[in-house]
Structures are given as C-alpha cells and as structure tokens.
N, C-alpha and C. Protein backbone atom coordinates (compact mmCIF):
# COMPACT_ATOMS: atom_id res chain seq x y z
N MET A 1 0.80 -1.85 0.12
CA MET A 1 -0.23 -0.01 0.09
C MET A 1 0.71 1.16 0.00
N ASN A 2 0.41 2.39 -1.10
CA ASN A 2 1.54 3.30 -1.06
C ASN A 2 0.58 4.48 0.12
N LYS A 3 1.84 5.14 0.55
CA LYS A 3 1.68 6.14 1.68
C LYS A 3 1.26 7.32 0.96
N MET A 4 0.31 8.52 1.67
CA MET A 4 -0.25 9.84 0.60
C MET A 4 0.08 10.35 1.82
N ASN A 5 0.60 11.58 0.67
CA ASN A 5 1.25 12.89 1.54
C ASN A 5 -0.14 13.65 1.95
N PRO A 6 -0.02 14.83 2.71
CA PRO A 6 -1.27 15.45 2.84
C PRO A 6 -2.10 15.92 1.81
N ASN A 7 -1.39 16.37 0.26
CA ASN A 7 -1.56 17.10 -0.44
C ASN A 7 -2.77 15.40 -1.38
N ASN A 8 -2.63 14.29 -0.68
CA ASN A 8 -3.63 12.95 -1.30
C ASN A 8 -2.38 12.79 -2.51
N GLN A 9 -1.12 12.78 -2.55
CA GLN A 9 -0.47 12.14 -3.23
C GLN A 9 0.43 11.17 -3.07
N PRO A 10 1.04 10.14 -3.76
CA PRO A 10 1.67 9.39 -3.01
C PRO A 10 3.32 9.44 -3.18
N VAL A 11 3.77 9.19 -2.05
CA VAL A 11 4.86 9.37 -1.37
C VAL A 11 5.72 8.62 -1.90
N THR A 12 6.86 8.92 -2.68
CA THR A 12 7.78 7.93 -3.03
C THR A 12 9.37 7.74 -2.48
N ASN A 13 9.97 6.85 -2.24
CA ASN A 13 11.39 6.59 -1.71
C ASN A 13 12.71 7.43 -2.56
N SER A 14 11.78 7.85 -4.01
CA SER A 14 13.25 8.30 -4.49
C SER A 14 13.91 9.37 -4.20
N LYS A 15 15.32 9.82 -4.23
CA LYS A 15 15.96 11.08 -3.97
C LYS A 15 15.64 11.62 -4.78
N MET A 16 15.26 12.91 -4.28
CA MET A 16 15.35 14.27 -5.84
C MET A 16 16.49 15.00 -5.18
N GLY A 17 17.41 15.68 -5.88
CA GLY A 17 18.69 16.29 -5.59
C GLY A 17 18.19 17.96 -6.29
N VAL A 18 19.13 18.96 -6.11
CA VAL A 18 19.16 19.77 -6.77
C VAL A 18 20.36 20.08 -7.56
N LEU A 19 20.17 20.66 -8.53
CA LEU A 19 21.43 20.57 -9.97
C LEU A 19 21.67 22.43 -10.09
N ALA A 20 22.90 22.17 -9.53
CA ALA A 20 23.39 23.92 -9.60
C ALA A 20 24.34 24.01 -11.24
N ILE A 21 23.92 25.05 -11.77
CA ILE A 21 24.66 25.11 -12.75
C ILE A 21 25.28 26.39 -12.85
N GLU A 22 26.80 25.97 -13.48
CA GLU A 22 27.32 27.48 -13.46
C GLU A 22 27.13 28.49 -14.06
N LYS A 23 26.87 29.60 -13.56
CA LYS A 23 26.18 31.19 -14.48
C LYS A 23 27.87 31.77 -14.73
N ARG A 24 28.93 31.57 -14.64
CA ARG A 24 29.91 32.29 -14.67
C ARG A 24 30.28 32.17 -15.67
N LYS A 25 30.74 33.45 -16.68
CA LYS A 25 31.57 33.33 -18.15
C LYS A 25 33.08 33.12 -18.13
N HIS A 26 33.72 33.65 -16.62
CA HIS A 26 35.43 33.56 -16.92
C HIS A 26 35.14 32.28 -15.48
N PRO A 27 36.17 31.54 -15.66
CA PRO A 27 36.51 30.62 -14.16
C PRO A 27 37.53 31.35 -12.97
N ARG A 28 36.93 31.39 -11.90
CA ARG A 28 37.56 31.74 -10.73
C ARG A 28 38.52 31.15 -10.00
N PHE A 29 39.77 31.89 -9.61
CA PHE A 29 40.93 31.38 -9.02
C PHE A 29 41.18 32.28 -7.85
N SER A 30 41.15 30.95 -6.83
CA SER A 30 41.11 31.55 -5.34
C SER A 30 43.00 32.35 -5.12
N VAL A 31 42.77 33.40 -4.84
CA VAL A 31 43.86 33.92 -4.37
C VAL A 31 43.84 34.87 -2.98
N GLU A 32 44.64 35.03 -2.82
CA GLU A 32 44.67 36.39 -1.59
C GLU A 32 45.43 37.12 -1.98
N LEU A 33 44.88 38.43 -1.81
CA LEU A 33 45.39 39.52 -2.74
C LEU A 33 44.91 40.79 -1.69
N PRO A 34 45.99 41.52 -1.23
CA PRO A 34 45.07 42.69 -0.30
C PRO A 34 44.84 44.18 -1.42
N ILE A 35 43.89 44.73 -1.19
CA ILE A 35 43.16 45.67 -2.14
C ILE A 35 43.09 46.76 -1.39
N ASP A 36 43.35 48.32 -2.09
CA ASP A 36 43.06 49.39 -1.46
C ASP A 36 41.86 49.68 -2.65
N TYR A 37 40.55 50.55 -1.73
CA TYR A 37 39.74 51.12 -2.76
C TYR A 37 38.97 52.19 -2.17
N SER A 38 38.48 53.14 -3.11
CA SER A 38 37.85 54.17 -2.64
C SER A 38 36.84 54.81 -3.75
N ARG A 39 35.50 55.12 -2.81
CA ARG A 39 34.67 55.53 -3.76
C ARG A 39 35.13 56.29 -4.83
N VAL A 40 34.67 55.97 -6.37
CA VAL A 40 34.86 56.88 -7.49
C VAL A 40 35.22 58.40 -7.23
N GLU A 41 34.01 59.19 -6.65
CA GLU A 41 33.59 60.17 -6.42
C GLU A 41 33.95 60.55 -5.02
N GLY A 42 34.84 59.88 -3.80
CA GLY A 42 35.62 60.19 -2.80
C GLY A 42 37.00 60.36 -3.04
N LYS A 43 37.73 60.96 -1.71
CA LYS A 43 39.32 60.42 -1.33
C LYS A 43 39.49 59.44 -0.46
N ALA A 44 38.75 59.55 0.27
CA ALA A 44 39.02 58.23 1.47
C ALA A 44 39.55 57.12 0.85
N THR A 45 40.73 56.35 1.35
CA THR A 45 41.09 54.97 0.81
C THR A 45 41.03 53.95 2.10
N PHE A 46 40.59 52.96 1.75
CA PHE A 46 40.38 51.90 2.13
C PHE A 46 40.73 50.63 1.95
N GLY A 47 41.20 49.66 2.98
CA GLY A 47 41.77 48.00 2.95
C GLY A 47 41.10 47.41 2.85
N GLY A 48 41.22 46.42 1.63
CA GLY A 48 40.45 45.08 1.88
C GLY A 48 41.06 43.68 1.60
N MET A 49 40.54 42.75 0.94
CA MET A 49 41.26 41.47 0.98
C MET A 49 40.36 41.20 -0.30
N VAL A 50 41.06 40.69 -1.82
CA VAL A 50 40.61 39.34 -2.40
C VAL A 50 40.54 38.35 -2.17
N ALA A 51 39.40 37.55 -2.54
CA ALA A 51 39.18 35.75 -2.34
C ALA A 51 39.63 35.35 -3.58
N ASN A 52 39.04 35.62 -4.49
CA ASN A 52 39.11 35.01 -5.71
C ASN A 52 38.76 35.94 -6.80
N ALA A 53 39.74 36.00 -8.07
CA ALA A 53 39.35 36.83 -9.27
C ALA A 53 39.38 36.28 -10.43
N SER A 54 38.41 36.20 -11.33
CA SER A 54 38.32 35.95 -12.65
C SER A 54 38.57 37.21 -13.64
N GLU A 55 38.72 36.89 -14.79
CA GLU A 55 39.02 38.21 -16.12
C GLU A 55 37.52 38.92 -16.13
N GLY A 56 36.89 38.41 -15.46
CA GLY A 56 35.24 39.33 -15.43
C GLY A 56 35.33 40.03 -14.00
N GLY A 57 35.53 39.92 -12.60
CA GLY A 57 35.89 40.48 -11.36
C GLY A 57 36.22 40.03 -10.19
N LEU A 58 35.88 40.20 -9.12
CA LEU A 58 36.69 39.80 -7.85
C LEU A 58 35.65 39.47 -6.84
N LEU A 59 35.91 38.59 -6.21
CA LEU A 59 35.26 38.47 -4.90
C LEU A 59 36.27 38.83 -3.81
N VAL A 60 35.51 39.96 -3.00
CA VAL A 60 36.14 40.73 -2.07
C VAL A 60 35.48 40.85 -0.68
N TYR A 61 36.61 41.10 0.62
CA TYR A 61 35.91 41.45 1.41
C TYR A 61 36.40 42.88 2.29
N LEU A 62 35.88 43.40 2.42
CA LEU A 62 35.53 44.93 2.61
C LEU A 62 35.18 45.04 4.00
N PRO A 63 35.78 46.27 4.69
CA PRO A 63 35.54 46.44 6.11
C PRO A 63 34.11 47.61 6.43
N GLU A 64 33.33 47.99 5.30
CA GLU A 64 32.52 48.73 5.39
C GLU A 64 31.21 48.18 4.55
N ARG A 65 30.14 48.72 4.53
CA ARG A 65 28.61 48.09 3.77
C ARG A 65 28.76 49.44 2.55
N ILE A 66 28.78 48.43 1.38
CA ILE A 66 29.08 50.02 0.21
C ILE A 66 27.32 49.27 -0.68
N GLU A 67 26.69 49.81 -1.00
CA GLU A 67 25.40 49.84 -1.67
C GLU A 67 26.12 49.23 -3.12
N VAL A 68 25.11 48.39 -3.41
CA VAL A 68 25.18 47.36 -4.82
C VAL A 68 24.87 48.27 -5.49
N GLY A 69 25.78 48.56 -7.09
CA GLY A 69 25.82 49.38 -7.81
C GLY A 69 26.92 50.73 -7.88
N THR A 70 27.62 50.74 -6.26
CA THR A 70 28.82 52.01 -6.06
C THR A 70 29.41 51.37 -7.18
N LEU A 71 30.50 52.71 -7.52
CA LEU A 71 31.27 52.44 -8.87
C LEU A 71 32.95 53.18 -7.60
N LEU A 72 33.49 51.73 -8.00
CA LEU A 72 34.97 52.16 -6.71
C LEU A 72 36.43 51.96 -7.74
N LYS A 73 37.27 52.65 -7.39
CA LYS A 73 38.37 52.61 -7.76
C LYS A 73 39.39 51.67 -6.49
N ILE A 74 39.90 50.95 -7.66
CA ILE A 74 40.56 49.64 -6.95
C ILE A 74 42.25 49.82 -7.31
N GLU A 75 42.83 49.10 -6.12
CA GLU A 75 44.12 48.48 -6.87
C GLU A 75 44.19 47.45 -5.91
N LEU A 76 44.84 46.30 -6.58
CA LEU A 76 45.12 45.00 -6.25
C LEU A 76 47.13 45.04 -5.80
N PHE A 77 46.94 44.67 -5.22
CA PHE A 77 48.72 44.47 -5.09
C PHE A 77 49.10 43.05 -5.12
N TYR A 78 49.97 42.25 -5.21
CA TYR A 78 50.61 40.72 -5.57
C TYR A 78 52.00 41.30 -5.57
N VAL A 79 52.57 40.19 -5.45
CA VAL A 79 54.43 39.86 -5.62
C VAL A 79 54.79 39.12 -6.83
N LYS A 80 55.46 39.56 -7.55
CA LYS A 80 55.91 38.76 -8.55
C LYS A 80 57.24 38.77 -8.58
N GLU A 81 58.57 37.52 -8.79
CA GLU A 81 59.45 37.63 -8.76
C GLU A 81 60.43 38.48 -7.35
N LEU A 82 59.57 38.67 -6.55
CA LEU A 82 60.17 39.63 -5.64
C LEU A 82 60.30 41.37 -5.91
N GLU A 83 59.24 41.00 -6.68
CA GLU A 83 58.69 42.70 -7.15
C GLU A 83 57.22 42.98 -6.48
N LEU A 84 56.89 44.49 -6.15
CA LEU A 84 55.47 44.28 -5.80
C LEU A 84 55.11 45.18 -7.36
N GLY A 85 53.88 44.42 -7.55
CA GLY A 85 52.91 44.85 -8.86
C GLY A 85 51.64 45.48 -8.64
N ASN A 86 51.15 46.14 -9.26
CA ASN A 86 49.78 46.61 -8.94
C ASN A 86 48.74 46.21 -10.47
N ILE A 87 47.91 46.08 -9.94
CA ILE A 87 46.83 46.48 -11.10
C ILE A 87 45.54 47.09 -10.32
N LYS A 88 45.51 48.72 -11.23
CA LYS A 88 44.17 49.67 -11.01
C LYS A 88 43.01 49.17 -12.13
N SER A 89 42.10 49.89 -11.51
CA SER A 89 40.86 49.20 -12.20
C SER A 89 39.58 50.45 -11.49
N ILE A 90 38.51 50.39 -12.32
CA ILE A 90 37.10 51.07 -11.52
C ILE A 90 36.43 49.71 -12.02
N VAL A 91 36.03 49.30 -10.69
CA VAL A 91 34.36 48.38 -10.67
C VAL A 91 33.44 48.60 -10.01
N LYS A 92 32.30 47.86 -10.32
CA LYS A 92 31.02 47.95 -9.86
C LYS A 92 30.87 47.15 -8.69
N VAL A 93 30.13 47.38 -7.62
CA VAL A 93 29.64 46.42 -6.79
C VAL A 93 28.26 45.77 -7.31
N VAL A 94 28.04 44.47 -7.65
CA VAL A 94 27.08 43.61 -8.09
C VAL A 94 26.15 43.00 -7.35
N TRP A 95 26.73 43.09 -6.36
CA TRP A 95 26.11 42.13 -5.10
C TRP A 95 26.91 42.15 -4.15
N SER A 96 26.11 41.54 -2.31
CA SER A 96 26.97 41.96 -1.71
C SER A 96 26.09 40.78 -0.69
N ASP A 97 26.74 40.36 0.32
CA ASP A 97 26.51 39.26 1.29
C ASP A 97 26.81 40.08 2.65
N MET A 98 25.93 40.65 3.60
CA MET A 98 26.28 41.40 4.59
C MET A 98 26.41 40.12 5.96
N ALA A 99 25.87 39.25 5.57
CA ALA A 99 26.12 38.54 6.92
C ALA A 99 27.34 37.88 6.79
N ALA A 100 27.88 37.55 5.52
CA ALA A 100 29.15 36.50 5.60
C ALA A 100 30.07 36.42 6.64
N ARG A 101 30.81 37.47 7.18
CA ARG A 101 31.55 37.34 7.97
C ARG A 101 31.44 39.00 9.09
N GLU A 102 30.40 39.45 8.94
CA GLU A 102 30.10 41.02 9.44
C GLU A 102 30.62 40.71 10.86
N SER A 103 30.33 39.63 11.47
CA SER A 103 30.71 39.55 13.37
C SER A 103 32.36 40.18 13.33
N TRP A 104 32.82 40.07 11.90
CA TRP A 104 34.23 40.52 12.14
C TRP A 104 34.63 41.72 11.80
N GLY A 105 33.78 42.21 11.16
CA GLY A 105 33.99 43.19 10.50
C GLY A 105 34.03 43.44 9.42
N GLU A 106 33.67 42.41 8.85
CA GLU A 106 33.75 42.45 7.14
C GLU A 106 32.60 41.94 6.21
N HIS A 107 32.31 42.66 5.31
CA HIS A 107 31.03 42.58 4.04
C HIS A 107 31.70 41.84 3.21
N ARG A 108 30.84 41.16 2.28
CA ARG A 108 31.74 40.30 1.08
C ARG A 108 30.56 40.66 -0.19
N TYR A 109 31.71 40.80 -1.01
CA TYR A 109 30.91 41.76 -2.28
C TYR A 109 31.52 40.97 -3.62
N GLY A 110 30.68 41.28 -4.39
CA GLY A 110 31.18 40.68 -5.86
C GLY A 110 31.09 42.05 -6.60
N LEU A 111 32.57 42.43 -6.97
CA LEU A 111 32.94 43.15 -7.71
C LEU A 111 33.13 42.94 -9.56
N LYS A 112 32.37 43.62 -10.41
CA LYS A 112 32.64 43.72 -11.56
C LYS A 112 33.68 44.64 -12.58
N PHE A 113 34.27 44.31 -12.94
CA PHE A 113 35.48 45.17 -13.92
C PHE A 113 34.50 45.91 -14.73
N GLU A 114 34.36 47.13 -14.70
CA GLU A 114 34.23 48.22 -15.24
C GLU A 114 34.44 49.09 -16.35
N SER A 115 36.30 49.36 -16.20
CA SER A 115 37.30 50.32 -16.75
C SER A 115 38.35 49.67 -16.41
N ILE A 116 39.07 48.90 -17.03
CA ILE A 116 40.25 48.82 -16.37
C ILE A 116 41.83 48.52 -18.04
N ASP A 117 42.44 49.46 -17.58
CA ASP A 117 44.06 49.68 -18.80
C ASP A 117 43.93 48.61 -19.54
N GLU A 118 44.41 48.28 -20.39
CA GLU A 118 45.24 47.09 -20.97
C GLU A 118 46.26 46.59 -20.16
N LYS A 119 47.06 47.51 -20.20
CA LYS A 119 48.57 47.03 -19.57
C LYS A 119 47.79 46.21 -18.20
N ASP A 120 47.21 46.74 -17.66
CA ASP A 120 46.50 46.39 -16.21
C ASP A 120 45.49 44.84 -16.47
N PHE A 121 45.00 44.79 -17.14
CA PHE A 121 44.14 43.68 -17.67
C PHE A 121 45.39 42.51 -18.19
N ASN A 122 45.99 42.89 -18.83
CA ASN A 122 47.22 42.08 -19.06
C ASN A 122 48.07 41.29 -17.87
N ARG A 123 48.15 42.13 -17.00
CA ARG A 123 48.99 41.72 -15.38
C ARG A 123 47.77 41.22 -15.15
N LEU A 124 46.79 41.47 -14.97
CA LEU A 124 45.65 40.65 -14.18
C LEU A 124 45.79 38.96 -14.81
N MET A 125 45.63 38.89 -16.18
CA MET A 125 45.45 38.14 -16.97
C MET A 125 46.48 37.01 -16.55
N ALA A 126 47.90 37.59 -16.45
CA ALA A 126 49.06 36.79 -16.24
C ALA A 126 48.68 36.33 -14.55
N LEU A 127 48.80 36.75 -14.29
CA LEU A 127 48.30 36.75 -12.69
C LEU A 127 47.95 35.66 -12.40
N LEU A 128 46.06 35.60 -13.00
CA LEU A 128 45.25 34.03 -13.54
C LEU A 128 45.94 33.17 -13.79
N LYS A 129 46.70 33.14 -14.80
CA LYS A 129 47.34 32.33 -15.09
C LYS A 129 48.28 31.38 -14.27
N GLU A 130 49.25 32.19 -13.81
CA GLU A 130 49.89 31.78 -12.87
C GLU A 130 49.46 31.34 -11.65
N VAL A 131 48.34 31.86 -11.17
CA VAL A 131 47.67 31.25 -10.20
C VAL A 131 46.88 29.58 -10.56
N GLY A 132 47.19 29.89 -12.17
CA GLY A 132 46.12 28.52 -12.23
C GLY A 132 47.00 27.75 -12.78
N LYS A 133 48.07 27.25 -12.52
CA LYS A 133 49.16 26.13 -12.84
C LYS A 133 48.68 25.67 -11.42
C-alpha cells in the first residue's frame, strides 16, 4: 500500500537533488591579495582582501557597507619575482552578502570590472594564469 502525503499524492522513496549550474562566463581562481579602494567620487582610501578573481571580476572582503551599484576605484597588490606589482581598475559592486563575516567587521562583495587599462588587464591575466598552474 502506498503512503499518501497531505495533498493526497503518493509518497515515493526516490531521492530528489538540486542541480546547480555554473552561470559564470569566466573561471574563478582562489587568491589572497590585498586591495585598496575608494569610491569614485571620494578621497578616503580603505583596505580589503581579494578572495578570488576572474577575467570579469573579484570576490572581496571589505570593512564597510557599500550599496550595490556603487563604483569603486581599486588597486590590487601582488608580488612577482620579489617585486611588488599592482593592478588598477574601476569596478562596480554587483552583489553583497552582509551576513558573511559581519561579526568580524567584514562584508563580502562581488565586483565587476567596469574599466581597466590594457596593461593592467594583461597583468591580471598573467597573474590568474600563474595562479591556475
């Protein structure tokens, strides 16, 4: 005899799963890089940390609340062959996750590259290629 659920439909023992489909255009690479940022129209500079990066954007932890849609000037710092390098760009906050590590004073954001110089873009691609090895 089949069991019935509250909607008077048979209950089966089959297991249903959730299929997650990757929607990203570009693969992400885990990195830990310091970042300085400021609002495009602002003067004050703050520090944060990049958690992963791709050709299209960054996942970052920043110390303050920032509205989705805000444009930021950023500067990433990295070391290559014992020399400090940097990558500058204008990014847009495309999503935020305030609950991520708020108890530690950090907020998680997805940033999309809006404007990046060709030299800086080439540095980013070289850095991601190196990380991907």
